[in-house]
């Protein structure tokens, strides 16, 4: 696939969702895609076909995160992505919101090596990769109440995950959960409440569920 071909496909899918992508964003997304495609031949980063990539892959890996970026403040904030895997949604959001300070949490060392390669190749500043299980993150004193935003995808939201995210968040911080439309995404964890649900693609198959952490005594 030529650069023009990938960027044209991405622009077309973006337009169908109401997104307009500038050349800088298109170039950075393509650089990430090429790294993902190359590394996916050696380690399993995604089960979606990448060579060639189709509409489903474009939507899930790039369009959905770029649409979600519209709900991330443009201002500087501290952000933790749990279970980062192949880097989506984190890298496309980070490309669209470069002022954020991002921490990627991934338990598999080989996937962490890939994430660090993307950080190097795209020259992303203020991005840290942690090779650890997210369940252990909240127990670290320096990570408690350290994030304004937590993003989660491809992770089952049980009480442990919700509680981990809650401890990482500052008061009024947000959790952004990428979920299949219609799937139950609420949690009974005290201090978290879903504030809104928004579709991310034109077909409405995937939605963004946003939770907010209540202000409480620590």
N, C-alpha and C. Protein backbone atom coordinates (compact mmCIF):
# COMPACT_ATOMS: atom_id res chain seq x y z
N UNK A 1 0.84 -1.20 0.00
CA UNK A 1 0.00 0.00 0.00
C UNK A 1 0.88 1.25 0.00
N UNK A 2 0.63 2.16 -0.93
CA UNK A 2 1.41 3.38 -1.01
C UNK A 2 0.94 4.37 0.05
N UNK A 3 1.82 5.34 0.41
CA UNK A 3 1.40 6.35 1.38
C UNK A 3 0.12 7.07 0.98
N UNK A 4 0.04 7.45 -0.32
CA UNK A 4 -1.16 8.15 -0.78
C UNK A 4 -2.40 7.28 -0.62
N UNK A 5 -2.25 5.97 -0.88
CA UNK A 5 -3.38 5.06 -0.80
C UNK A 5 -3.90 4.96 0.64
N UNK A 6 -2.99 4.75 1.59
CA UNK A 6 -3.42 4.64 2.99
C UNK A 6 -4.06 5.93 3.47
N UNK A 7 -3.41 7.04 3.19
CA UNK A 7 -3.93 8.33 3.66
C UNK A 7 -5.28 8.66 3.02
N UNK A 8 -5.45 8.28 1.75
CA UNK A 8 -6.73 8.51 1.08
C UNK A 8 -7.83 7.67 1.72
N UNK A 9 -7.53 6.40 2.02
CA UNK A 9 -8.51 5.54 2.68
C UNK A 9 -8.88 6.08 4.06
N UNK A 10 -7.86 6.48 4.80
CA UNK A 10 -8.11 7.00 6.15
C UNK A 10 -8.93 8.28 6.11
N UNK A 11 -8.60 9.17 5.17
CA UNK A 11 -9.35 10.41 5.04
C UNK A 11 -10.81 10.14 4.68
N UNK A 12 -11.04 9.17 3.81
CA UNK A 12 -12.40 8.84 3.41
C UNK A 12 -13.21 8.28 4.57
N UNK A 13 -12.59 7.36 5.34
CA UNK A 13 -13.30 6.81 6.51
C UNK A 13 -13.54 7.89 7.55
N UNK A 14 -12.59 8.79 7.71
CA UNK A 14 -12.74 9.88 8.68
C UNK A 14 -13.89 10.80 8.28
N UNK A 15 -13.97 11.14 7.00
CA UNK A 15 -15.02 12.02 6.53
C UNK A 15 -16.40 11.43 6.77
N UNK A 16 -16.51 10.10 6.65
CA UNK A 16 -17.79 9.44 6.88
C UNK A 16 -18.24 9.56 8.33
N UNK A 17 -17.28 9.81 9.23
CA UNK A 17 -17.59 9.97 10.65
C UNK A 17 -17.63 11.44 11.05
N UNK A 18 -17.42 12.33 10.08
CA UNK A 18 -17.46 13.76 10.37
C UNK A 18 -16.15 14.32 10.84
N UNK A 19 -15.04 13.59 10.58
CA UNK A 19 -13.72 14.05 11.00
C UNK A 19 -12.94 14.59 9.81
N UNK A 20 -12.20 15.67 10.03
CA UNK A 20 -11.30 16.22 9.02
C UNK A 20 -9.88 16.12 9.57
N UNK A 21 -9.02 15.38 8.88
CA UNK A 21 -7.66 15.13 9.36
C UNK A 21 -6.66 15.95 8.54
N UNK A 22 -5.77 16.66 9.22
CA UNK A 22 -4.76 17.43 8.49
C UNK A 22 -3.61 16.52 8.07
N UNK A 23 -2.71 17.06 7.26
CA UNK A 23 -1.61 16.26 6.71
C UNK A 23 -0.67 15.74 7.80
N UNK A 24 -0.45 16.56 8.82
CA UNK A 24 0.43 16.14 9.92
C UNK A 24 -0.14 14.92 10.63
N UNK A 25 -1.43 14.94 10.92
CA UNK A 25 -2.08 13.80 11.58
C UNK A 25 -2.06 12.58 10.69
N UNK A 26 -2.37 12.75 9.41
CA UNK A 26 -2.35 11.63 8.47
C UNK A 26 -0.98 10.98 8.39
N UNK A 27 0.06 11.80 8.33
CA UNK A 27 1.42 11.27 8.22
C UNK A 27 1.82 10.51 9.48
N UNK A 28 1.48 11.05 10.65
CA UNK A 28 1.83 10.39 11.91
C UNK A 28 1.06 9.08 12.07
N UNK A 29 -0.22 9.07 11.72
CA UNK A 29 -1.02 7.85 11.80
C UNK A 29 -0.46 6.80 10.86
N UNK A 30 -0.06 7.22 9.67
CA UNK A 30 0.51 6.25 8.72
C UNK A 30 1.83 5.66 9.26
N UNK A 31 2.66 6.48 9.87
CA UNK A 31 3.91 5.98 10.43
C UNK A 31 3.63 4.94 11.51
N UNK A 32 2.64 5.21 12.36
CA UNK A 32 2.24 4.24 13.38
C UNK A 32 1.71 2.96 12.74
N UNK A 33 0.85 3.11 11.72
CA UNK A 33 0.30 1.94 11.03
C UNK A 33 1.40 1.06 10.44
N UNK A 34 2.38 1.66 9.82
CA UNK A 34 3.46 0.88 9.19
C UNK A 34 4.26 0.11 10.23
N UNK A 35 4.52 0.72 11.37
CA UNK A 35 5.20 0.01 12.46
C UNK A 35 4.34 -1.14 12.98
N UNK A 36 3.05 -0.87 13.15
CA UNK A 36 2.12 -1.90 13.63
C UNK A 36 2.08 -3.08 12.65
N UNK A 37 2.00 -2.79 11.38
CA UNK A 37 1.95 -3.84 10.36
C UNK A 37 3.23 -4.67 10.37
N UNK A 38 4.37 -4.00 10.48
CA UNK A 38 5.67 -4.70 10.49
C UNK A 38 5.82 -5.60 11.71
N UNK A 39 5.53 -5.06 12.90
CA UNK A 39 5.70 -5.83 14.13
C UNK A 39 4.65 -6.93 14.28
N UNK A 40 3.49 -6.72 13.71
CA UNK A 40 2.42 -7.71 13.86
C UNK A 40 2.75 -9.03 13.16
N UNK A 41 3.72 -9.00 12.27
CA UNK A 41 4.16 -10.23 11.62
C UNK A 41 4.97 -11.11 12.57
N UNK A 42 5.50 -10.50 13.63
CA UNK A 42 6.34 -11.24 14.58
C UNK A 42 5.64 -11.50 15.91
N UNK A 43 4.85 -10.55 16.36
CA UNK A 43 4.10 -10.75 17.60
C UNK A 43 2.65 -10.34 17.36
N UNK A 44 1.75 -10.94 18.08
CA UNK A 44 0.33 -10.69 17.87
C UNK A 44 -0.10 -9.40 18.56
N UNK A 45 -0.14 -8.33 17.79
CA UNK A 45 -0.56 -7.04 18.31
C UNK A 45 -2.04 -6.77 18.06
N UNK A 46 -2.54 -7.30 16.97
CA UNK A 46 -3.96 -7.18 16.64
C UNK A 46 -4.36 -8.33 15.74
N UNK A 47 -5.61 -8.78 15.87
CA UNK A 47 -6.13 -9.85 15.01
C UNK A 47 -6.74 -9.29 13.73
N UNK A 48 -6.82 -7.98 13.62
CA UNK A 48 -7.38 -7.36 12.42
C UNK A 48 -6.41 -7.44 11.26
N UNK A 49 -6.87 -7.71 10.05
CA UNK A 49 -5.99 -7.74 8.89
C UNK A 49 -5.34 -6.36 8.67
N UNK A 50 -4.03 -6.38 8.42
CA UNK A 50 -3.30 -5.12 8.23
C UNK A 50 -2.69 -4.98 6.85
N UNK A 51 -2.56 -6.07 6.11
CA UNK A 51 -1.86 -6.03 4.83
C UNK A 51 -2.61 -6.86 3.78
N UNK A 52 -3.62 -6.26 3.13
CA UNK A 52 -4.01 -4.85 3.25
C UNK A 52 -4.98 -4.63 4.41
N UNK A 53 -5.10 -3.39 4.83
CA UNK A 53 -6.05 -3.06 5.88
C UNK A 53 -7.39 -2.70 5.25
N UNK A 54 -8.46 -3.13 5.89
CA UNK A 54 -9.80 -2.86 5.37
C UNK A 54 -10.54 -1.83 6.20
N UNK A 55 -11.80 -1.58 5.85
CA UNK A 55 -12.59 -0.58 6.58
C UNK A 55 -12.71 -0.87 8.07
N UNK A 56 -12.87 -2.17 8.45
CA UNK A 56 -13.00 -2.48 9.88
C UNK A 56 -11.73 -2.12 10.64
N UNK A 57 -10.58 -2.47 10.07
CA UNK A 57 -9.31 -2.14 10.71
C UNK A 57 -9.09 -0.65 10.81
N UNK A 58 -9.40 0.08 9.74
CA UNK A 58 -9.25 1.53 9.76
C UNK A 58 -10.13 2.15 10.85
N UNK A 59 -11.37 1.67 10.92
CA UNK A 59 -12.29 2.22 11.92
C UNK A 59 -11.82 1.92 13.34
N UNK A 60 -11.55 0.66 13.61
CA UNK A 60 -11.27 0.25 14.98
C UNK A 60 -9.93 0.81 15.48
N UNK A 61 -8.91 0.74 14.63
CA UNK A 61 -7.56 1.12 15.07
C UNK A 61 -7.33 2.63 15.05
N UNK A 62 -7.97 3.34 14.13
CA UNK A 62 -7.63 4.75 13.94
C UNK A 62 -8.84 5.70 14.07
N UNK A 63 -9.94 5.40 13.37
CA UNK A 63 -11.05 6.33 13.35
C UNK A 63 -11.71 6.46 14.72
N UNK A 64 -11.98 5.33 15.38
CA UNK A 64 -12.61 5.39 16.70
C UNK A 64 -11.77 6.19 17.70
N UNK A 65 -10.45 5.93 17.80
CA UNK A 65 -9.65 6.76 18.72
C UNK A 65 -9.63 8.24 18.33
N UNK A 66 -9.54 8.54 17.02
CA UNK A 66 -9.51 9.94 16.60
C UNK A 66 -10.83 10.62 16.90
N UNK A 67 -11.94 9.89 16.76
CA UNK A 67 -13.23 10.46 17.15
C UNK A 67 -13.29 10.69 18.66
N UNK A 68 -12.75 9.74 19.43
CA UNK A 68 -12.74 9.88 20.89
C UNK A 68 -11.86 11.04 21.34
N UNK A 69 -10.84 11.38 20.56
CA UNK A 69 -9.96 12.49 20.92
C UNK A 69 -10.71 13.79 21.05
N UNK A 70 -11.86 13.89 20.37
CA UNK A 70 -12.66 15.10 20.48
C UNK A 70 -13.22 15.32 21.87
N UNK A 71 -13.20 14.28 22.72
CA UNK A 71 -13.71 14.39 24.09
C UNK A 71 -12.56 14.52 25.10
N UNK A 72 -11.33 14.61 24.58
CA UNK A 72 -10.15 14.82 25.43
C UNK A 72 -9.80 16.30 25.38
N UNK A 73 -9.69 16.98 26.52
CA UNK A 73 -9.34 18.41 26.50
C UNK A 73 -8.04 18.67 25.77
N UNK A 74 -7.97 19.79 25.08
CA UNK A 74 -6.76 20.16 24.35
C UNK A 74 -5.64 20.55 25.31
N UNK A 75 -5.98 21.00 26.50
CA UNK A 75 -4.98 21.44 27.47
C UNK A 75 -4.14 20.28 27.99
N UNK A 76 -3.02 20.62 28.63
CA UNK A 76 -2.13 19.62 29.20
C UNK A 76 -2.84 18.83 30.30
N UNK A 77 -2.72 17.51 30.25
CA UNK A 77 -3.27 16.67 31.32
C UNK A 77 -2.47 15.38 31.41
N UNK A 78 -2.58 14.71 32.55
CA UNK A 78 -1.90 13.44 32.78
C UNK A 78 -2.88 12.31 32.48
N UNK A 79 -2.42 11.36 31.66
CA UNK A 79 -3.31 10.35 31.10
C UNK A 79 -2.64 8.98 31.19
N UNK A 80 -3.40 7.99 31.65
CA UNK A 80 -2.91 6.61 31.74
C UNK A 80 -3.79 5.71 30.88
N UNK A 81 -3.16 4.92 30.01
CA UNK A 81 -3.86 3.95 29.18
C UNK A 81 -3.59 2.55 29.74
N UNK A 82 -4.66 1.84 30.14
CA UNK A 82 -4.52 0.51 30.75
C UNK A 82 -4.64 -0.59 29.71
N UNK A 83 -3.69 -1.54 29.72
CA UNK A 83 -3.70 -2.65 28.77
C UNK A 83 -3.46 -2.17 27.36
N UNK A 84 -2.33 -1.48 27.14
CA UNK A 84 -2.10 -0.75 25.89
C UNK A 84 -1.93 -1.63 24.65
N UNK A 85 -1.42 -2.87 24.82
CA UNK A 85 -1.36 -3.82 23.71
C UNK A 85 -0.64 -3.28 22.49
N UNK A 86 -1.38 -3.18 21.37
CA UNK A 86 -0.79 -2.70 20.12
C UNK A 86 -0.81 -1.19 19.96
N UNK A 87 -1.22 -0.46 21.00
CA UNK A 87 -1.12 0.99 20.97
C UNK A 87 -2.34 1.75 20.52
N UNK A 88 -3.43 1.04 20.19
CA UNK A 88 -4.69 1.72 19.88
C UNK A 88 -5.69 1.43 20.99
N UNK A 89 -6.32 2.44 21.54
CA UNK A 89 -6.52 3.80 21.04
C UNK A 89 -5.48 4.84 21.42
N UNK A 90 -4.49 4.47 22.22
CA UNK A 90 -3.62 5.48 22.84
C UNK A 90 -2.85 6.33 21.82
N UNK A 91 -2.17 5.70 20.87
CA UNK A 91 -1.32 6.49 19.97
C UNK A 91 -2.13 7.43 19.06
N UNK A 92 -3.22 6.98 18.44
CA UNK A 92 -3.98 7.95 17.63
C UNK A 92 -4.52 9.13 18.46
N UNK A 93 -4.99 8.85 19.68
CA UNK A 93 -5.44 9.96 20.53
C UNK A 93 -4.28 10.89 20.85
N UNK A 94 -3.12 10.31 21.18
CA UNK A 94 -1.95 11.13 21.53
C UNK A 94 -1.49 11.98 20.34
N UNK A 95 -1.59 11.43 19.13
CA UNK A 95 -1.24 12.21 17.94
C UNK A 95 -2.18 13.41 17.81
N UNK A 96 -3.45 13.20 18.11
CA UNK A 96 -4.43 14.29 18.00
C UNK A 96 -4.37 15.26 19.18
N UNK A 97 -3.86 14.79 20.32
CA UNK A 97 -3.77 15.61 21.53
C UNK A 97 -2.33 15.58 22.06
N UNK A 98 -1.40 16.27 21.36
CA UNK A 98 0.03 16.17 21.70
C UNK A 98 0.42 16.80 23.03
N UNK A 99 -0.44 17.62 23.63
CA UNK A 99 -0.09 18.25 24.90
C UNK A 99 -0.22 17.31 26.08
N UNK A 100 -0.86 16.15 25.90
CA UNK A 100 -1.07 15.23 27.01
C UNK A 100 0.22 14.54 27.42
N UNK A 101 0.31 14.20 28.71
CA UNK A 101 1.42 13.39 29.23
C UNK A 101 0.86 11.98 29.43
N UNK A 102 1.37 11.04 28.63
CA UNK A 102 0.77 9.72 28.52
C UNK A 102 1.63 8.64 29.18
N UNK A 103 0.97 7.76 29.96
CA UNK A 103 1.60 6.56 30.51
C UNK A 103 0.87 5.34 29.94
N UNK A 104 1.62 4.49 29.24
CA UNK A 104 1.08 3.26 28.66
C UNK A 104 1.41 2.11 29.59
N UNK A 105 0.40 1.34 29.99
CA UNK A 105 0.59 0.23 30.91
C UNK A 105 0.30 -1.08 30.17
N UNK A 106 1.32 -1.94 30.07
CA UNK A 106 1.19 -3.20 29.33
C UNK A 106 2.00 -4.28 30.05
N UNK A 107 1.38 -5.45 30.25
CA UNK A 107 2.02 -6.51 31.03
C UNK A 107 2.99 -7.37 30.23
N UNK A 108 2.87 -7.39 28.89
CA UNK A 108 3.73 -8.25 28.06
C UNK A 108 4.94 -7.48 27.57
N UNK A 109 6.13 -8.02 27.86
CA UNK A 109 7.38 -7.32 27.56
C UNK A 109 7.57 -7.06 26.06
N UNK A 110 7.19 -8.01 25.21
CA UNK A 110 7.39 -7.83 23.77
C UNK A 110 6.49 -6.72 23.22
N UNK A 111 5.29 -6.62 23.76
CA UNK A 111 4.42 -5.53 23.34
C UNK A 111 4.96 -4.19 23.83
N UNK A 112 5.56 -4.19 25.02
CA UNK A 112 6.19 -2.97 25.52
C UNK A 112 7.33 -2.53 24.61
N UNK A 113 8.08 -3.50 24.08
CA UNK A 113 9.16 -3.17 23.15
C UNK A 113 8.60 -2.49 21.91
N UNK A 114 7.48 -2.98 21.42
CA UNK A 114 6.83 -2.33 20.27
C UNK A 114 6.38 -0.93 20.63
N UNK A 115 5.72 -0.77 21.76
CA UNK A 115 5.24 0.55 22.16
C UNK A 115 6.38 1.55 22.25
N UNK A 116 7.50 1.12 22.81
CA UNK A 116 8.66 2.01 22.92
C UNK A 116 9.23 2.36 21.55
N UNK A 117 9.17 1.41 20.62
CA UNK A 117 9.64 1.68 19.26
C UNK A 117 8.78 2.76 18.60
N UNK A 118 7.48 2.68 18.79
CA UNK A 118 6.59 3.71 18.24
C UNK A 118 6.92 5.07 18.85
N UNK A 119 7.10 5.11 20.15
CA UNK A 119 7.45 6.37 20.83
C UNK A 119 8.72 6.96 20.23
N UNK A 120 9.75 6.10 20.00
CA UNK A 120 11.03 6.57 19.43
C UNK A 120 10.84 7.05 18.00
N UNK A 121 10.20 6.23 17.17
CA UNK A 121 10.10 6.54 15.75
C UNK A 121 9.23 7.76 15.49
N UNK A 122 8.18 7.93 16.27
CA UNK A 122 7.30 9.09 16.08
C UNK A 122 7.77 10.30 16.89
N UNK A 123 8.87 10.11 17.65
CA UNK A 123 9.45 11.20 18.44
C UNK A 123 8.39 11.83 19.36
N UNK A 124 7.66 10.97 20.07
CA UNK A 124 6.63 11.43 20.98
C UNK A 124 7.24 11.81 22.32
N UNK A 125 7.00 13.00 22.77
CA UNK A 125 7.52 13.47 24.05
C UNK A 125 6.50 13.23 25.15
N UNK A 126 7.01 13.11 26.39
CA UNK A 126 6.15 12.93 27.56
C UNK A 126 5.28 11.69 27.44
N UNK A 127 5.87 10.60 26.94
CA UNK A 127 5.19 9.31 26.86
C UNK A 127 6.06 8.27 27.56
N UNK A 128 5.48 7.57 28.54
CA UNK A 128 6.18 6.55 29.32
C UNK A 128 5.50 5.20 29.11
N UNK A 129 6.31 4.14 28.97
CA UNK A 129 5.78 2.78 28.83
C UNK A 129 6.14 2.00 30.09
N UNK A 130 5.13 1.48 30.79
CA UNK A 130 5.34 0.69 31.99
C UNK A 130 5.04 -0.78 31.69
N UNK A 131 6.03 -1.64 31.91
CA UNK A 131 5.84 -3.08 31.75
C UNK A 131 5.38 -3.64 33.10
N UNK A 132 4.05 -3.66 33.28
CA UNK A 132 3.49 -4.09 34.56
C UNK A 132 2.02 -4.44 34.36
N UNK A 133 1.44 -5.13 35.32
CA UNK A 133 0.01 -5.40 35.30
C UNK A 133 -0.71 -4.20 35.91
N UNK A 134 -1.80 -3.80 35.27
CA UNK A 134 -2.47 -2.59 35.73
C UNK A 134 -3.04 -2.77 37.13
N UNK A 135 -3.30 -4.03 37.55
CA UNK A 135 -3.82 -4.25 38.89
C UNK A 135 -2.83 -3.80 39.97
N UNK A 136 -1.53 -3.81 39.61
CA UNK A 136 -0.50 -3.41 40.59
C UNK A 136 -0.22 -1.91 40.58
N UNK A 137 -0.68 -1.23 39.54
CA UNK A 137 -0.35 0.18 39.39
C UNK A 137 -0.91 1.01 40.55
N UNK A 138 -2.17 0.73 40.90
CA UNK A 138 -2.82 1.55 41.92
C UNK A 138 -2.16 1.43 43.29
N UNK A 139 -1.43 0.32 43.51
CA UNK A 139 -0.79 0.11 44.81
C UNK A 139 0.47 0.96 44.97
N UNK A 140 0.96 1.52 43.90
CA UNK A 140 2.15 2.37 43.97
C UNK A 140 1.76 3.77 44.44
N UNK A 141 2.42 4.21 45.47
CA UNK A 141 2.07 5.51 46.03
C UNK A 141 2.13 6.65 45.04
N UNK A 142 3.14 6.62 44.14
CA UNK A 142 3.30 7.73 43.20
C UNK A 142 2.24 7.72 42.10
N UNK A 143 1.54 6.58 41.94
CA UNK A 143 0.52 6.49 40.89
C UNK A 143 -0.89 6.82 41.42
N UNK A 144 -1.04 6.83 42.70
CA UNK A 144 -2.36 7.11 43.28
C UNK A 144 -2.75 8.56 43.01
N UNK A 145 -3.96 8.76 42.48
CA UNK A 145 -4.46 10.10 42.16
C UNK A 145 -3.48 10.87 41.28
N UNK A 146 -2.93 10.18 40.26
CA UNK A 146 -1.92 10.78 39.40
C UNK A 146 -2.44 11.14 38.02
N UNK A 147 -3.68 10.73 37.67
CA UNK A 147 -4.17 10.88 36.30
C UNK A 147 -5.45 11.71 36.25
N UNK A 148 -5.53 12.51 35.19
CA UNK A 148 -6.77 13.23 34.90
C UNK A 148 -7.67 12.40 33.99
N UNK A 149 -7.06 11.43 33.30
CA UNK A 149 -7.79 10.62 32.33
C UNK A 149 -7.23 9.20 32.33
N UNK A 150 -8.13 8.22 32.25
CA UNK A 150 -7.76 6.82 32.07
C UNK A 150 -8.54 6.29 30.87
N UNK A 151 -7.83 5.64 29.93
CA UNK A 151 -8.50 5.02 28.79
C UNK A 151 -8.35 3.50 28.87
N UNK A 152 -9.40 2.81 28.43
CA UNK A 152 -9.43 1.34 28.50
C UNK A 152 -10.11 0.80 27.25
N UNK A 153 -9.46 -0.23 26.65
CA UNK A 153 -10.08 -0.95 25.54
C UNK A 153 -9.62 -2.40 25.59
N UNK A 154 -10.47 -3.28 25.13
CA UNK A 154 -10.15 -4.71 25.05
C UNK A 154 -9.83 -5.30 26.41
N UNK A 155 -10.37 -4.70 27.45
CA UNK A 155 -10.21 -5.21 28.81
C UNK A 155 -11.60 -5.34 29.42
N UNK A 156 -11.89 -6.47 30.01
CA UNK A 156 -13.18 -6.67 30.64
C UNK A 156 -13.27 -5.78 31.88
N UNK A 157 -14.32 -4.99 31.96
CA UNK A 157 -14.46 -4.05 33.07
C UNK A 157 -15.14 -4.74 34.24
N UNK A 158 -14.31 -5.30 35.11
CA UNK A 158 -14.85 -5.89 36.33
C UNK A 158 -14.54 -4.96 37.51
N UNK A 159 -14.87 -5.39 38.71
CA UNK A 159 -14.66 -4.53 39.87
C UNK A 159 -13.19 -4.18 40.07
N UNK A 160 -12.28 -5.13 39.78
CA UNK A 160 -10.85 -4.88 39.97
C UNK A 160 -10.35 -3.79 39.04
N UNK A 161 -10.74 -3.88 37.77
CA UNK A 161 -10.30 -2.87 36.80
C UNK A 161 -10.88 -1.50 37.17
N UNK A 162 -12.16 -1.47 37.50
CA UNK A 162 -12.80 -0.21 37.85
C UNK A 162 -12.17 0.41 39.10
N UNK A 163 -11.87 -0.43 40.08
CA UNK A 163 -11.26 0.08 41.30
C UNK A 163 -9.85 0.59 41.04
N UNK A 164 -9.09 -0.12 40.19
CA UNK A 164 -7.76 0.34 39.81
C UNK A 164 -7.83 1.71 39.16
N UNK A 165 -8.72 1.85 38.19
CA UNK A 165 -8.86 3.14 37.51
C UNK A 165 -9.27 4.24 38.47
N UNK A 166 -10.18 3.93 39.39
CA UNK A 166 -10.64 4.92 40.35
C UNK A 166 -9.51 5.43 41.22
N UNK A 167 -8.63 4.53 41.66
CA UNK A 167 -7.51 4.94 42.52
C UNK A 167 -6.48 5.77 41.75
N UNK A 168 -6.32 5.49 40.47
CA UNK A 168 -5.35 6.24 39.67
C UNK A 168 -5.85 7.66 39.41
N UNK A 169 -7.16 7.83 39.30
CA UNK A 169 -7.73 9.11 38.92
C UNK A 169 -7.69 10.16 40.03
N UNK A 170 -7.50 11.39 39.62
CA UNK A 170 -7.71 12.52 40.52
C UNK A 170 -9.21 12.80 40.62
N UNK A 171 -9.58 13.61 41.60
CA UNK A 171 -10.98 14.01 41.72
C UNK A 171 -11.46 14.64 40.42
N UNK A 172 -12.64 14.24 39.99
CA UNK A 172 -13.28 14.72 38.76
C UNK A 172 -12.57 14.21 37.50
N UNK A 173 -11.60 13.28 37.65
CA UNK A 173 -10.96 12.69 36.49
C UNK A 173 -11.93 11.81 35.71
N UNK A 174 -11.56 11.51 34.46
CA UNK A 174 -12.43 10.77 33.57
C UNK A 174 -11.87 9.41 33.19
N UNK A 175 -12.76 8.42 33.05
CA UNK A 175 -12.44 7.15 32.42
C UNK A 175 -13.14 7.13 31.08
N UNK A 176 -12.40 6.83 30.02
CA UNK A 176 -12.99 6.68 28.69
C UNK A 176 -12.88 5.21 28.29
N UNK A 177 -14.03 4.55 28.19
CA UNK A 177 -14.10 3.12 27.89
C UNK A 177 -14.63 2.93 26.47
N UNK A 178 -13.86 2.20 25.65
CA UNK A 178 -14.30 1.85 24.30
C UNK A 178 -15.08 0.55 24.39
N UNK A 179 -16.34 0.60 23.98
CA UNK A 179 -17.23 -0.53 24.21
C UNK A 179 -18.10 -0.79 22.99
N UNK A 180 -18.47 -2.07 22.80
CA UNK A 180 -19.45 -2.41 21.77
C UNK A 180 -20.79 -1.81 22.15
N UNK A 181 -21.44 -1.18 21.20
CA UNK A 181 -22.72 -0.52 21.47
C UNK A 181 -23.73 -1.50 22.05
N UNK A 182 -24.38 -1.07 23.14
CA UNK A 182 -25.39 -1.90 23.78
C UNK A 182 -24.86 -2.80 24.87
N UNK A 183 -23.54 -2.99 24.95
CA UNK A 183 -22.98 -3.82 26.00
C UNK A 183 -23.07 -3.09 27.33
N UNK A 184 -23.38 -3.83 28.37
CA UNK A 184 -23.47 -3.23 29.71
C UNK A 184 -22.09 -2.76 30.14
N UNK A 185 -21.96 -1.48 30.40
CA UNK A 185 -20.66 -0.91 30.72
C UNK A 185 -20.66 -0.15 32.03
N UNK A 186 -21.75 -0.23 32.76
CA UNK A 186 -21.78 0.46 34.03
C UNK A 186 -21.07 -0.36 35.09
N UNK A 187 -20.74 0.25 36.16
CA UNK A 187 -20.05 -0.41 37.26
C UNK A 187 -20.64 0.05 38.58
N UNK A 188 -20.60 -0.83 39.56
CA UNK A 188 -21.12 -0.47 40.88
C UNK A 188 -20.02 0.03 41.80
N UNK A 189 -18.84 0.25 41.25
CA UNK A 189 -17.74 0.74 42.06
C UNK A 189 -18.07 2.12 42.64
N UNK A 190 -18.00 2.28 43.96
CA UNK A 190 -18.29 3.59 44.56
C UNK A 190 -17.37 4.66 44.00
N UNK A 191 -17.92 5.84 43.77
CA UNK A 191 -17.11 6.95 43.31
C UNK A 191 -17.01 7.07 41.82
N UNK A 192 -17.62 6.14 41.05
CA UNK A 192 -17.61 6.22 39.59
C UNK A 192 -19.05 6.19 39.08
N UNK A 193 -19.33 7.05 38.12
CA UNK A 193 -20.66 7.05 37.52
C UNK A 193 -20.54 7.39 36.04
N UNK A 194 -21.26 6.66 35.16
CA UNK A 194 -21.21 7.00 33.73
C UNK A 194 -21.86 8.35 33.49
N UNK A 195 -21.14 9.25 32.83
CA UNK A 195 -21.67 10.59 32.60
C UNK A 195 -22.25 10.74 31.20
N UNK A 196 -21.73 9.97 30.23
CA UNK A 196 -22.31 10.03 28.89
C UNK A 196 -21.84 8.85 28.05
N UNK A 197 -22.62 8.55 26.99
CA UNK A 197 -22.27 7.52 26.02
C UNK A 197 -22.41 8.14 24.64
N UNK A 198 -21.39 7.97 23.79
CA UNK A 198 -21.44 8.57 22.46
C UNK A 198 -20.96 7.56 21.42
N UNK A 199 -21.63 7.49 20.25
CA UNK A 199 -21.17 6.60 19.18
C UNK A 199 -19.88 7.13 18.57
N UNK A 200 -19.01 6.22 18.13
CA UNK A 200 -17.71 6.63 17.59
C UNK A 200 -17.60 6.45 16.08
N UNK A 201 -18.49 5.66 15.48
CA UNK A 201 -18.45 5.45 14.04
C UNK A 201 -19.84 5.66 13.46
N UNK A 202 -19.88 5.81 12.15
CA UNK A 202 -21.15 6.10 11.48
C UNK A 202 -22.17 4.98 11.67
N UNK A 203 -21.68 3.73 11.75
CA UNK A 203 -22.62 2.60 11.91
C UNK A 203 -23.06 2.41 13.36
N UNK A 204 -22.42 3.13 14.30
CA UNK A 204 -22.83 3.08 15.70
C UNK A 204 -22.46 1.80 16.42
N UNK A 205 -21.58 0.97 15.85
CA UNK A 205 -21.27 -0.31 16.48
C UNK A 205 -20.40 -0.16 17.72
N UNK A 206 -19.59 0.87 17.75
CA UNK A 206 -18.73 1.10 18.90
C UNK A 206 -19.08 2.44 19.54
N UNK A 207 -19.09 2.46 20.86
CA UNK A 207 -19.39 3.70 21.55
C UNK A 207 -18.34 3.98 22.62
N UNK A 208 -18.27 5.23 22.98
CA UNK A 208 -17.39 5.67 24.04
C UNK A 208 -18.25 5.91 25.28
N UNK A 209 -17.91 5.21 26.37
CA UNK A 209 -18.61 5.40 27.63
C UNK A 209 -17.68 6.18 28.55
N UNK A 210 -18.14 7.32 29.02
CA UNK A 210 -17.30 8.19 29.84
C UNK A 210 -17.80 8.18 31.28
N UNK A 211 -16.89 7.85 32.21
CA UNK A 211 -17.17 7.87 33.64
C UNK A 211 -16.41 9.03 34.26
N UNK A 212 -16.95 9.55 35.36
CA UNK A 212 -16.25 10.60 36.09
C UNK A 212 -16.08 10.17 37.54
N UNK A 213 -14.90 10.49 38.07
CA UNK A 213 -14.62 10.18 39.47
C UNK A 213 -15.17 11.29 40.35
N UNK A 214 -15.92 10.91 41.35
CA UNK A 214 -16.50 11.90 42.25
C UNK A 214 -15.43 12.47 43.17
N UNK A 215 -15.64 13.69 43.62
CA UNK A 215 -14.77 14.31 44.61
C UNK A 215 -15.07 13.67 45.97
N UNK A 216 -14.02 13.15 46.63
CA UNK A 216 -14.27 12.49 47.91
C UNK A 216 -13.05 12.61 48.81
N UNK A 217 -13.26 12.37 50.08
CA UNK A 217 -12.15 12.39 51.04
C UNK A 217 -11.26 11.18 50.80
N UNK A 218 -9.93 11.40 50.84
CA UNK A 218 -8.96 10.31 50.63
C UNK A 218 -8.33 9.96 51.96
